[in-house]
C-alpha atoms as a PDB file:
ATOM      1  CA  MET A   1       0.000   0.000   0.000  1.00  0.00           C
ATOM      2  CA  SER A   2       1.116   3.551  -0.670  1.00  0.00           C
ATOM      3  CA  VAL A   3      -0.093   7.128  -0.654  1.00  0.00           C
ATOM      4  CA  ILE A   4      -0.314   8.905  -3.991  1.00  0.00           C
ATOM      5  CA  SER A   5      -1.079  12.608  -4.313  1.00  0.00           C
ATOM      6  CA  TYR A   6      -1.555  14.572  -7.497  1.00  0.00           C
ATOM      7  CA  ASN A   7      -2.823  18.117  -7.953  1.00  0.00           C
ATOM      8  CA  ASP A   8      -3.894  18.312  -4.279  1.00  0.00           C
ATOM      9  CA  ILE A   9      -5.850  15.051  -4.488  1.00  0.00           C
ATOM     10  CA  VAL A  10      -4.650  12.331  -2.108  1.00  0.00           C
ATOM     11  CA  LEU A  11      -5.440   8.668  -2.769  1.00  0.00           C
ATOM     12  CA  PRO A  12      -4.748   6.888   0.538  1.00  0.00           C
ATOM     13  CA  HIS A  13      -3.892   3.203   0.832  1.00  0.00           C
ATOM     14  CA  ALA A  14      -3.480   2.937  -2.935  1.00  0.00           C
ATOM     15  CA  PHE A  15      -2.572  -0.422  -4.424  1.00  0.00           C
ATOM     16  CA  HIS A  16      -0.068  -0.382  -7.302  1.00  0.00           C
ATOM     17  CA  THR A  17      -1.097  -2.475 -10.263  1.00  0.00           C
ATOM     18  CA  LYS A  18       1.729  -1.038 -12.397  1.00  0.00           C
ATOM     19  CA  PHE A  19       4.956   0.794 -11.623  1.00  0.00           C
ATOM     20  CA  LEU A  20       7.059   0.648 -14.790  1.00  0.00           C
ATOM     21  CA  GLN A  21      10.401   2.472 -14.854  1.00  0.00           C
ATOM     22  CA  LYS A  22      11.758   2.704 -18.387  1.00  0.00           C
ATOM     23  CA  PRO A  23      15.032   4.326 -19.465  1.00  0.00           C
ATOM     24  CA  MET A  24      14.508   6.774 -22.326  1.00  0.00           C
ATOM     25  CA  LEU A  25      17.358   6.621 -24.836  1.00  0.00           C
ATOM     26  CA  ASP A  26      18.451   9.239 -27.358  1.00  0.00           C
ATOM     27  CA  PRO A  27      17.754   8.587 -31.089  1.00  0.00           C
ATOM     28  CA  SER A  28      21.039   6.703 -31.450  1.00  0.00           C
ATOM     29  CA  ASN A  29      20.106   4.371 -28.558  1.00  0.00           C
ATOM     30  CA  THR A  30      23.356   5.357 -26.880  1.00  0.00           C
ATOM     31  CA  ASP A  31      22.612   7.432 -23.787  1.00  0.00           C
ATOM     32  CA  TRP A  32      19.959   7.232 -21.073  1.00  0.00           C
ATOM     33  CA  TYR A  33      18.743  10.822 -20.870  1.00  0.00           C
ATOM     34  CA  CYS A  34      15.739  10.448 -18.523  1.00  0.00           C
ATOM     35  CA  THR A  35      13.439   7.853 -16.954  1.00  0.00           C
ATOM     36  CA  MET A  36       9.766   7.301 -17.724  1.00  0.00           C
ATOM     37  CA  PHE A  37       7.614   6.293 -14.757  1.00  0.00           C
ATOM     38  CA  ASP A  38       4.403   4.613 -15.969  1.00  0.00           C
ATOM     39  CA  ILE A  39       2.165   4.209 -12.916  1.00  0.00           C
ATOM     40  CA  GLN A  40      -1.271   2.736 -12.313  1.00  0.00           C
ATOM     41  CA  VAL A  41      -2.942   2.503  -8.898  1.00  0.00           C
ATOM     42  CA  GLU A  42      -6.280   1.494  -7.424  1.00  0.00           C
ATOM     43  CA  ALA A  43      -7.801   3.143  -4.365  1.00  0.00           C
ATOM     44  CA  ILE A  44     -11.055   3.014  -2.434  1.00  0.00           C
ATOM     45  CA  ILE A  45     -12.787   6.294  -1.674  1.00  0.00           C
ATOM     46  CA  THR A  46     -15.275   6.321   1.174  1.00  0.00           C
ATOM     47  CA  PRO A  47     -16.801   9.121   3.271  1.00  0.00           C
ATOM     48  CA  ASP A  48     -14.333   8.266   6.023  1.00  0.00           C
ATOM     49  CA  TYR A  49     -11.437   9.382   3.788  1.00  0.00           C
ATOM     50  CA  LEU A  50     -12.903  12.569   2.312  1.00  0.00           C
ATOM     51  CA  ALA A  51     -11.234  14.834   4.857  1.00  0.00           C
ATOM     52  CA  ILE A  52      -7.889  13.382   3.733  1.00  0.00           C
ATOM     53  CA  ILE A  53      -8.565  12.993   0.004  1.00  0.00           C
ATOM     54  CA  ALA A  54      -9.917  16.426  -0.857  1.00  0.00           C
ATOM     55  CA  PRO A  55     -11.149  18.430   2.143  1.00  0.00           C
ATOM     56  CA  ASP A  56     -11.985  21.521   0.075  1.00  0.00           C
ATOM     57  CA  LEU A  57     -13.988  19.522  -2.439  1.00  0.00           C
ATOM     58  CA  ALA A  58     -15.769  17.546   0.263  1.00  0.00           C
ATOM     59  CA  ARG A  59     -17.063  20.750   1.824  1.00  0.00           C
ATOM     60  CA  ALA A  60     -18.150  22.137  -1.556  1.00  0.00           C
ATOM     61  CA  HIS A  61     -20.134  19.106  -2.773  1.00  0.00           C
ATOM     62  CA  ALA A  62     -22.984  17.480  -0.939  1.00  0.00           C
ATOM     63  CA  SER A  63     -23.457  14.852  -3.655  1.00  0.00           C
ATOM     64  CA  ALA A  64     -21.012  11.947  -3.792  1.00  0.00           C
ATOM     65  CA  ALA A  65     -21.369  11.788  -7.596  1.00  0.00           C
ATOM     66  CA  ASN A  66     -20.495  15.457  -8.000  1.00  0.00           C
ATOM     67  CA  LEU A  67     -17.550  14.948  -5.676  1.00  0.00           C
ATOM     68  CA  MET A  68     -16.272  12.109  -7.870  1.00  0.00           C
ATOM     69  CA  ASN A  69     -16.496  14.326 -10.956  1.00  0.00           C
ATOM     70  CA  SER A  70     -14.501  17.054  -9.233  1.00  0.00           C
ATOM     71  CA  ILE A  71     -11.843  14.569  -8.105  1.00  0.00           C
ATOM     72  CA  ARG A  72     -11.599  13.196 -11.643  1.00  0.00           C
ATOM     73  CA  ASP A  73     -11.165  16.716 -13.077  1.00  0.00           C
ATOM     74  CA  GLN A  74      -8.317  17.394 -10.648  1.00  0.00           C
ATOM     75  CA  LEU A  75      -6.603  14.106 -11.395  1.00  0.00           C
ATOM     76  CA  LEU A  76      -6.711  14.540 -15.187  1.00  0.00           C
ATOM     77  CA  LYS A  77      -5.071  17.967 -15.380  1.00  0.00           C
ATOM     78  CA  PRO A  78      -1.506  17.709 -16.771  1.00  0.00           C
ATOM     79  CA  ARG A  79       1.690  19.217 -15.360  1.00  0.00           C
ATOM     80  CA  ARG A  80       0.836  19.159 -11.672  1.00  0.00           C
ATOM     81  CA  GLN A  81       2.903  18.015  -8.720  1.00  0.00           C
ATOM     82  CA  LEU A  82       3.033  14.221  -8.287  1.00  0.00           C
ATOM     83  CA  SER A  83       4.089  12.325  -5.180  1.00  0.00           C
ATOM     84  CA  ILE A  84       4.077   8.599  -4.449  1.00  0.00           C
ATOM     85  CA  LYS A  85       5.183   7.473  -1.002  1.00  0.00           C
ATOM     86  CA  VAL A  86       5.582   3.987   0.425  1.00  0.00           C
ATOM     87  CA  ASN A  87       6.210   3.887   4.167  1.00  0.00           C
ATOM     88  CA  GLY A  88       7.095   7.579   3.985  1.00  0.00           C
ATOM     89  CA  VAL A  89       9.699   7.075   1.228  1.00  0.00           C
ATOM     90  CA  GLU A  90       9.208   9.162  -1.945  1.00  0.00           C
ATOM     91  CA  LEU A  91       9.359   7.009  -5.090  1.00  0.00           C
ATOM     92  CA  ILE A  92       9.221   9.898  -7.590  1.00  0.00           C
ATOM     93  CA  PRO A  93      12.456  11.886  -7.356  1.00  0.00           C
ATOM     94  CA  ARG A  94      12.095  15.592  -7.978  1.00  0.00           C
ATOM     95  CA  VAL A  95      13.951  18.862  -7.763  1.00  0.00           C
ATOM     96  CA  ALA A  96      12.776  21.306  -5.130  1.00  0.00           C
ATOM     97  CA  GLU A  97      10.008  23.470  -6.607  1.00  0.00           C
ATOM     98  CA  LYS A  98      11.726  26.723  -5.623  1.00  0.00           C
ATOM     99  CA  ASP A  99      14.626  25.892  -7.956  1.00  0.00           C
ATOM    100  CA  VAL A 100      12.581  25.041 -11.054  1.00  0.00           C
ATOM    101  CA  PRO A 101      10.341  27.576 -12.811  1.00  0.00           C
ATOM    102  CA  GLY A 102       9.403  25.179 -15.606  1.00  0.00           C
ATOM    103  CA  THR A 103       7.012  22.232 -15.561  1.00  0.00           C
ATOM    104  CA  VAL A 104       7.131  19.602 -12.871  1.00  0.00           C
ATOM    105  CA  ASP A 105       8.916  16.888 -14.824  1.00  0.00           C
ATOM    106  CA  ALA A 106      11.487  16.830 -17.626  1.00  0.00           C
ATOM    107  CA  GLN A 107       9.144  16.331 -20.609  1.00  0.00           C
ATOM    108  CA  ASN A 108       6.078  18.588 -20.249  1.00  0.00           C
ATOM    109  CA  GLY A 109       4.457  16.396 -17.614  1.00  0.00           C
ATOM    110  CA  PRO A 110       3.325  14.612 -15.587  1.00  0.00           C
ATOM    111  CA  GLN A 111       0.751  13.386 -18.098  1.00  0.00           C
ATOM    112  CA  PRO A 112      -2.397  11.705 -16.686  1.00  0.00           C
ATOM    113  CA  GLN A 113      -3.522   8.790 -18.856  1.00  0.00           C
ATOM    114  CA  SER A 114      -6.869   7.672 -17.447  1.00  0.00           C
ATOM    115  CA  CYS A 115      -9.143   7.844 -14.441  1.00  0.00           C
ATOM    116  CA  GLU A 116     -11.742   5.088 -14.126  1.00  0.00           C
ATOM    117  CA  ILE A 117     -14.307   5.402 -11.332  1.00  0.00           C
ATOM    118  CA  THR A 118     -16.419   2.400 -10.356  1.00  0.00           C
ATOM    119  CA  GLN A 119     -19.258   2.756  -7.854  1.00  0.00           C
ATOM    120  CA  LEU A 120     -19.254   0.026  -5.229  1.00  0.00           C
ATOM    121  CA  THR A 121     -21.964   1.348  -2.918  1.00  0.00           C
ATOM    122  CA  SER A 122     -23.956   4.564  -2.688  1.00  0.00           C
ATOM    123  CA  ALA A 123     -21.017   6.253  -0.957  1.00  0.00           C
ATOM    124  CA  THR A 124     -18.022   4.081  -1.900  1.00  0.00           C
ATOM    125  CA  PHE A 125     -16.069   4.234  -5.141  1.00  0.00           C
ATOM    126  CA  LEU A 126     -13.106   2.414  -6.645  1.00  0.00           C
ATOM    127  CA  ILE A 127     -10.678   4.633  -8.589  1.00  0.00           C
ATOM    128  CA  THR A 128      -8.255   3.157 -11.089  1.00  0.00           C
ATOM    129  CA  TYR A 129      -5.798   5.883 -12.030  1.00  0.00           C
ATOM    130  CA  SER A 130      -2.920   5.932 -14.557  1.00  0.00           C
ATOM    131  CA  ILE A 131      -0.248   8.596 -15.005  1.00  0.00           C
ATOM    132  CA  ILE A 132       3.141   8.947 -16.749  1.00  0.00           C
ATOM    133  CA  THR A 133       5.985  11.193 -15.667  1.00  0.00           C
ATOM    134  CA  TYR A 134       9.528  11.724 -17.006  1.00  0.00           C
ATOM    135  CA  VAL A 135      12.406  12.409 -14.646  1.00  0.00           C
ATOM    136  CA  TRP A 136      16.026  13.394 -15.282  1.00  0.00           C
ATOM    137  CA  GLU A 137      17.764  11.403 -12.571  1.00  0.00           C
ATOM    138  CA  LYS A 138      20.850  12.312 -10.628  1.00  0.00           C
ATOM    139  CA  ARG A 139      19.978  11.755  -7.014  1.00  0.00           C
ATOM    140  CA  VAL A 140      21.647  13.545  -4.127  1.00  0.00           C
ATOM    141  CA  THR A 141      21.043  12.974  -0.430  1.00  0.00           C
ATOM    142  CA  ALA A 142      21.400  15.638   2.242  1.00  0.00           C
ATOM    143  CA  ASP A 143      20.179  15.397   5.838  1.00  0.00           C
ATOM    144  CA  GLY A 144      18.505  12.136   4.963  1.00  0.00           C
ATOM    145  CA  THR A 145      16.395  13.762   2.221  1.00  0.00           C
ATOM    146  CA  GLU A 146      16.791  12.626  -1.373  1.00  0.00           C
ATOM    147  CA  THR A 147      16.334  15.146  -4.179  1.00  0.00           C
ATOM    148  CA  LEU A 148      17.571  15.558  -7.747  1.00  0.00           C
ATOM    149  CA  GLU A 149      20.583  17.585  -8.733  1.00  0.00           C
ATOM    150  CA  ILE A 150      19.814  20.359 -11.204  1.00  0.00           C
ATOM    151  CA  GLY A 151      21.630  19.272 -14.349  1.00  0.00           C
ATOM    152  CA  HIS A 152      22.233  20.819 -17.745  1.00  0.00           C
ATOM    153  CA  ASN A 153      19.241  22.227 -19.593  1.00  0.00           C
ATOM    154  CA  VAL A 154      19.965  20.018 -22.638  1.00  0.00           C
ATOM    155  CA  LEU A 155      19.212  16.308 -22.290  1.00  0.00           C
ATOM    156  CA  PHE A 156      21.025  15.282 -25.476  1.00  0.00           C
ATOM    157  CA  ASN A 157      22.366  16.538 -28.799  1.00  0.00           C
ATOM    158  CA  ARG A 158      22.867  13.860 -31.439  1.00  0.00           C
ATOM    159  CA  TRP A 159      23.743  14.316 -35.100  1.00  0.00           C
ATOM    160  CA  SER A 160      25.004  12.572 -38.207  1.00  0.00           C
ATOM    161  CA  GLU A 161      27.285  14.106 -40.822  1.00  0.00           C
ATOM    162  CA  THR A 162      27.702  13.155 -44.470  1.00  0.00           C
ATOM    163  CA  GLN A 163      30.539  14.115 -46.809  1.00  0.00           C
ATOM    164  CA  ASP A 164      29.892  14.300 -50.564  1.00  0.00           C
ATOM    165  CA  ILE A 165      32.835  14.754 -52.972  1.00  0.00           C
ATOM    166  CA  ASP A 166      32.145  15.856 -56.545  1.00  0.00           C
ATOM    167  CA  ASN A 167      34.102  15.124 -59.726  1.00  0.00           C
ATOM    168  CA  CYS A 168      36.468  18.064 -59.043  1.00  0.00           C
ATOM    169  CA  ASP A 169      37.223  16.884 -55.490  1.00  0.00           C
ATOM    170  CA  TYR A 170      35.202  19.669 -53.862  1.00  0.00           C
ATOM    171  CA  THR A 171      33.502  18.532 -50.650  1.00  0.00           C
ATOM    172  CA  THR A 172      30.011  19.235 -49.330  1.00  0.00           C
ATOM    173  CA  PHE A 173      29.391  18.553 -45.632  1.00  0.00           C
ATOM    174  CA  THR A 174      25.824  18.051 -44.402  1.00  0.00           C
ATOM    175  CA  ARG A 175      25.097  17.782 -40.690  1.00  0.00           C
ATOM    176  CA  GLU A 176      21.628  16.721 -39.493  1.00  0.00           C
ATOM    177  CA  GLY A 177      20.798  16.439 -35.816  1.00  0.00           C
ATOM    178  CA  THR A 178      18.366  16.873 -32.943  1.00  0.00           C
ATOM    179  CA  PHE A 179      18.729  18.268 -29.461  1.00  0.00           C
ATOM    180  CA  ILE A 180      16.187  18.076 -26.632  1.00  0.00           C
ATOM    181  CA  ILE A 181      15.965  20.271 -23.533  1.00  0.00           C
ATOM    182  CA  ARG A 182      14.325  19.632 -20.162  1.00  0.00           C
ATOM    183  CA  SER A 183      11.063  21.395 -19.424  1.00  0.00           C
ATOM    184  CA  ASP A 184      12.062  21.536 -15.730  1.00  0.00           C
ATOM    185  CA  ASN A 185      15.169  23.488 -16.649  1.00  0.00           C
ATOM    186  CA  SER A 186      17.304  26.088 -14.935  1.00  0.00           C
ATOM    187  CA  PRO A 187      15.995  29.130 -13.049  1.00  0.00           C
ATOM    188  CA  ASP A 188      16.281  31.097 -16.295  1.00  0.00           C
ATOM    189  CA  GLY A 189      13.413  29.087 -17.770  1.00  0.00           C
ATOM    190  CA  VAL A 190      14.954  28.659 -21.231  1.00  0.00           C
ATOM    191  CA  ILE A 191      13.141  27.401 -24.315  1.00  0.00           C
ATOM    192  CA  ALA A 192      14.649  25.198 -27.008  1.00  0.00           C
ATOM    193  CA  ASP A 193      15.422  28.091 -29.356  1.00  0.00           C
ATOM    194  CA  ASP A 194      17.464  29.773 -26.600  1.00  0.00           C
ATOM    195  CA  MET A 195      19.931  26.879 -26.877  1.00  0.00           C
ATOM    196  CA  ARG A 196      20.182  26.899 -30.680  1.00  0.00           C
ATOM    197  CA  SER A 197      23.413  28.912 -30.904  1.00  0.00           C
ATOM    198  CA  ALA A 198      25.149  26.581 -28.427  1.00  0.00           C
ATOM    199  CA  MET A 199      23.827  23.292 -29.818  1.00  0.00           C
ATOM    200  CA  ALA A 200      23.135  23.703 -33.540  1.00  0.00           C
ATOM    201  CA  VAL A 201      25.267  26.506 -35.024  1.00  0.00           C
ATOM    202  CA  LEU A 202      28.609  25.484 -36.534  1.00  0.00           C
ATOM    203  CA  ALA A 203      31.680  27.508 -37.412  1.00  0.00           C
ATOM    204  CA  LEU A 204      32.798  27.400 -41.032  1.00  0.00           C
ATOM    205  CA  ARG A 205      35.792  25.370 -42.078  1.00  0.00           C
ATOM    206  CA  ALA A 206      38.523  27.156 -44.015  1.00  0.00           C
ATOM    207  CA  ASN A 207      37.657  27.570 -47.736  1.00  0.00           C
ATOM    208  CA  PHE A 208      34.019  26.586 -47.170  1.00  0.00           C
ATOM    209  CA  ASN A 209      30.835  28.573 -47.708  1.00  0.00           C
ATOM    210  CA  ARG A 210      27.597  28.092 -45.778  1.00  0.00           C
ATOM    211  CA  VAL A 211      24.981  26.945 -48.303  1.00  0.00           C
ATOM    212  CA  SER A 212      22.026  26.698 -45.925  1.00  0.00           C
ATOM    213  CA  SER A 213      20.946  26.247 -42.299  1.00  0.00           C
ATOM    214  CA  SER A 214      17.464  25.005 -41.427  1.00  0.00           C
ATOM    215  CA  TYR A 215      15.851  24.559 -38.007  1.00  0.00           C
ATOM    216  CA  VAL A 216      12.538  22.938 -37.079  1.00  0.00           C
ATOM    217  CA  VAL A 217      11.109  23.295 -33.564  1.00  0.00           C
ATOM    218  CA  ASP A 218       9.364  20.155 -32.340  1.00  0.00           C
ATOM    219  CA  PRO A 219       5.621  20.609 -31.648  1.00  0.00           C
ATOM    220  CA  ASN A 220       6.178  19.893 -27.944  1.00  0.00           C
ATOM    221  CA  GLY A 221       8.515  22.902 -27.765  1.00  0.00           C
ATOM    222  CA  LEU A 222      11.388  20.926 -26.248  1.00  0.00           C
ATOM    223  CA  GLY A 223      13.477  20.015 -29.271  1.00  0.00           C
ATOM    224  CA  ILE A 224      14.992  21.384 -32.458  1.00  0.00           C
ATOM    225  CA  ARG A 225      15.907  19.422 -35.561  1.00  0.00           C
ATOM    226  CA  TYR A 226      18.613  21.094 -37.619  1.00  0.00           C
ATOM    227  CA  ARG A 227      20.347  20.671 -40.972  1.00  0.00           C
ATOM    228  CA  ILE A 228      23.508  22.564 -41.967  1.00  0.00           C
ATOM    229  CA  VAL A 229      25.135  22.369 -45.410  1.00  0.00           C
ATOM    230  CA  ASP A 230      28.670  23.696 -46.122  1.00  0.00           C
ATOM    231  CA  ARG A 231      30.338  23.552 -49.539  1.00  0.00           C
ATOM    232  CA  GLU A 232      34.040  23.810 -50.346  1.00  0.00           C
ATOM    233  CA  VAL A 233      35.101  26.585 -52.751  1.00  0.00           C
ATOM    234  CA  PHE A 234      38.259  27.312 -54.699  1.00  0.00           C
ATOM    235  CA  GLN A 235      38.549  30.767 -53.135  1.00  0.00           C
ATOM    236  CA  ASN A 236      36.473  32.544 -50.530  1.00  0.00           C
ATOM    237  CA  PRO A 237      34.673  35.787 -51.470  1.00  0.00           C
ATOM    238  CA  PRO A 238      36.697  38.949 -50.726  1.00  0.00           C
ATOM    239  CA  SER A 239      36.747  40.677 -47.357  1.00  0.00           C
ATOM    240  CA  ILE A 240      38.220  43.873 -45.976  1.00  0.00           C
ATOM    241  CA  THR A 241      39.308  44.801 -42.448  1.00  0.00           C
ATOM    242  CA  SER A 242      39.185  48.345 -41.153  1.00  0.00           C
ATOM    243  CA  THR A 243      40.057  49.815 -37.765  1.00  0.00           C
ATOM    244  CA  ILE A 244      37.801  52.105 -35.770  1.00  0.00           C
ATOM    245  CA  THR A 245      39.631  54.391 -33.364  1.00  0.00           C
ATOM    246  CA  LEU A 246      37.882  54.999 -30.058  1.00  0.00           C
ATOM    247  CA  PRO A 247      38.693  57.619 -27.420  1.00  0.00           C
ATOM    248  CA  PRO A 248      40.968  56.509 -24.571  1.00  0.00           C
ATOM    249  CA  PRO A 249      41.043  54.270 -22.662  1.00  0.00           C
ATOM    250  CA  PHE A 250      39.257  52.078 -25.220  1.00  0.00           C
ATOM    251  CA  PRO A 251      41.461  50.137 -27.671  1.00  0.00           C
ATOM    252  CA  PRO A 252      40.897  50.314 -31.461  1.00  0.00           C
ATOM    253  CA  ILE A 253      38.346  47.889 -32.871  1.00  0.00           C
ATOM    254  CA  ALA A 254      39.053  45.900 -36.039  1.00  0.00           C
ATOM    255  CA  ILE A 255      35.933  45.211 -38.132  1.00  0.00           C
ATOM    256  CA  THR A 256      35.987  42.736 -41.002  1.00  0.00           C
ATOM    257  CA  THR A 257      33.354  42.968 -43.724  1.00  0.00           C
ATOM    258  CA  GLY A 258      33.092  40.024 -46.072  1.00  0.00           C
ATOM    259  CA  ALA A 259      30.859  39.089 -48.972  1.00  0.00           C
ATOM    260  CA  HIS A 260      28.932  35.841 -48.983  1.00  0.00           C
ATOM    261  CA  GLU A 261      28.895  35.605 -52.769  1.00  0.00           C
ATOM    262  CA  ALA A 262      30.995  37.359 -55.424  1.00  0.00           C
ATOM    263  CA  ASP A 263      31.254  37.409 -59.193  1.00  0.00           C
ATOM    264  CA  GLY A 264      32.725  39.836 -61.694  1.00  0.00           C
ATOM    265  CA  GLU A 265      34.723  40.360 -64.854  1.00  0.00           C
ATOM    266  CA  TYR A 266      37.561  42.503 -66.140  1.00  0.00           C
ATOM    267  CA  THR A 267      37.556  43.739 -69.759  1.00  0.00           C
ATOM    268  CA  GLU A 268      40.540  45.442 -71.424  1.00  0.00           C
ATOM    269  CA  THR A 269      40.522  47.079 -74.872  1.00  0.00           C
ATOM    270  CA  THR A 270      42.901  49.183 -76.952  1.00  0.00           C
ATOM    271  CA  ALA A 271      42.889  50.895 -80.316  1.00  0.00           C
ATOM    272  CA  LYS A 272      44.315  49.096 -83.313  1.00  0.00           C
ATOM    273  CA  GLY A 273      48.024  49.614 -83.625  1.00  0.00           C
ATOM    274  CA  GLY A 274      48.717  49.886 -79.915  1.00  0.00           C
ATOM    275  CA  GLY A 275      46.801  52.909 -78.706  1.00  0.00           C
ATOM    276  CA  MET A 276      45.619  53.736 -75.175  1.00  0.00           C
ATOM    277  CA  ARG A 277      44.503  50.787 -73.052  1.00  0.00           C
ATOM    278  CA  ILE A 278      41.078  50.957 -71.389  1.00  0.00           C
ATOM    279  CA  GLY A 279      40.213  48.641 -68.510  1.00  0.00           C
ATOM    280  CA  PHE A 280      36.694  47.979 -67.255  1.00  0.00           C
ATOM    281  CA  VAL A 281      35.859  46.134 -64.013  1.00  0.00           C
ATOM    282  CA  ARG A 282      32.427  44.820 -63.088  1.00  0.00           C
ATOM    283  CA  ILE A 283      31.966  43.237 -59.677  1.00  0.00           C
ATOM    284  CA  ARG A 284      28.918  42.115 -57.739  1.00  0.00           C
ATOM    285  CA  LEU A 285      29.066  41.264 -54.044  1.00  0.00           C
ATOM    286  CA  LYS A 286      26.289  39.739 -51.991  1.00  0.00           C
ATOM    287  CA  GLY A 287      26.232  40.073 -48.217  1.00  0.00           C
ATOM    288  CA  SER A 288      24.014  38.763 -45.423  1.00  0.00           C
ATOM    289  CA  ARG A 289      20.856  40.388 -44.125  1.00  0.00           C
ATOM    290  CA  THR A 290      22.924  42.189 -41.468  1.00  0.00           C
ATOM    291  CA  THR A 291      25.837  43.249 -43.672  1.00  0.00           C
ATOM    292  CA  ASP A 292      26.414  47.019 -43.761  1.00  0.00           C
ATOM    293  CA  SER A 293      25.680  48.005 -47.380  1.00  0.00           C
ATOM    294  CA  GLY A 294      28.047  50.997 -47.239  1.00  0.00           C
ATOM    295  CA  ARG A 295      30.961  48.815 -46.179  1.00  0.00           C
ATOM    296  CA  LEU A 296      30.054  46.284 -48.869  1.00  0.00           C
ATOM    297  CA  ILE A 297      30.175  49.040 -51.507  1.00  0.00           C
ATOM    298  CA  ALA A 298      33.577  50.170 -50.168  1.00  0.00           C
ATOM    299  CA  LEU A 299      34.768  46.568 -50.419  1.00  0.00           C
ATOM    300  CA  ALA A 300      33.611  46.396 -54.053  1.00  0.00           C
ATOM    301  CA  PHE A 301      35.579  49.563 -54.891  1.00  0.00           C
ATOM    302  CA  ALA A 302      38.662  48.154 -53.125  1.00  0.00           C
ATOM    303  CA  VAL A 303      38.478  44.899 -55.112  1.00  0.00           C
ATOM    304  CA  ALA A 304      38.023  46.770 -58.404  1.00  0.00           C
ATOM    305  CA  ALA A 305      40.949  49.105 -57.674  1.00  0.00           C
ATOM    306  CA  ALA A 306      43.194  46.182 -56.752  1.00  0.00           C
ATOM    307  CA  LYS A 307      42.322  44.454 -60.030  1.00  0.00           C
ATOM    308  CA  LEU A 308      43.237  47.529 -62.076  1.00  0.00           C
ATOM    309  CA  ARG A 309      46.530  48.017 -60.193  1.00  0.00           C
ATOM    310  CA  THR A 310      47.651  44.468 -60.849  1.00  0.00           C
ATOM    311  CA  ARG A 311      47.339  44.689 -64.640  1.00  0.00           C
ATOM    312  CA  GLY A 312      50.791  44.589 -66.202  1.00  0.00           C
ATOM    313  CA  PRO A 313      52.186  46.403 -69.307  1.00  0.00           C
ATOM    314  CA  ALA A 314      50.422  45.944 -72.630  1.00  0.00           C
ATOM    315  CA  MET A 315      51.393  42.959 -74.732  1.00  0.00           C
ATOM    316  CA  THR A 316      51.399  43.556 -78.486  1.00  0.00           C
ATOM    317  CA  PRO A 317      50.580  40.442 -80.470  1.00  0.00           C
ATOM    318  CA  PRO A 318      51.736  40.020 -84.052  1.00  0.00           C
ATOM    319  CA  GLY A 319      49.902  42.474 -86.286  1.00  0.00           C
ATOM    320  CA  GLY A 320      49.670  45.059 -83.504  1.00  0.00           C
ATOM    321  CA  GLY A 321      46.970  45.922 -80.990  1.00  0.00           C
ATOM    322  CA  ILE A 322      45.583  44.145 -77.914  1.00  0.00           C
ATOM    323  CA  PRO A 323      42.333  42.250 -78.413  1.00  0.00           C
ATOM    324  CA  PRO A 324      39.538  42.586 -75.846  1.00  0.00           C
ATOM    325  CA  THR A 325      40.336  40.392 -72.822  1.00  0.00           C
ATOM    326  CA  ILE A 326      37.835  39.196 -70.185  1.00  0.00           C
ATOM    327  CA  PHE A 327      38.885  37.847 -66.792  1.00  0.00           C
ATOM    328  CA  SER A 328      36.285  36.135 -64.576  1.00  0.00           C
ATOM    329  CA  PHE A 329      36.711  35.448 -60.876  1.00  0.00           C
END
């Protein structure tokens, strides 16, 4: 026999017909990230127990049937505090409420499953009650009291990565993964998207461009699925670094502006017989949504000027003159 309480309803002398404890594994079946408690109990409710079961409800309802409906409504509400004690020992480990602003358990629960009420006599009922709760377990004992240690907000982060190599030996990396947070997380009360930059944003490898990043929040709000694609390039788009001077005692700040995509051409013409050379540069740079357009324009001018400066002396082919020449980069 045990005492189970949920959402201020106490079921005294409850008999457990099921107390399943199942380790929940990450998608790779590698790590145990929390434990599912699947519980079913039976309890007898009689007028003698009403003062213990639900004293407020007992005073509010004169009818036993109405009282049963109110008890059922209380027992079926999700995300309320759950306690199961046998001989005074708590079987459902939990973090102290004052430390956890989120839900009561680790996965948006507890989650009531069913409440079956069977009338035995005019004033006696049998309740068969089922509930599931998920607990991140790392037990600590202090002064004879067992509680859970507050762990990391993220329960797991698992991914797979593929490497595709094309006919020119350029590589495309694709990483696909999922991370899940606890709903009973730290005092900051973070949501899954708050952890995205730490769990699902990758730095670029040298000579790689970011092709795409996609993120899908799970409907339960606790997880994010992500997919990141990086492609190798022969040469990265141009960038320019400038220094901003601040008044003392602040040190100068170096700011680098880079393009995400670049294309252009250089055209050179001259008159027949070796006249004046004319060079023309066209360049197009594409930045991110947050790129400063003025700095991107300055970068385009710097690239064009560098291209013109690097052109060497005219070469005169047989017959004289320099034909139009186009350079693409």
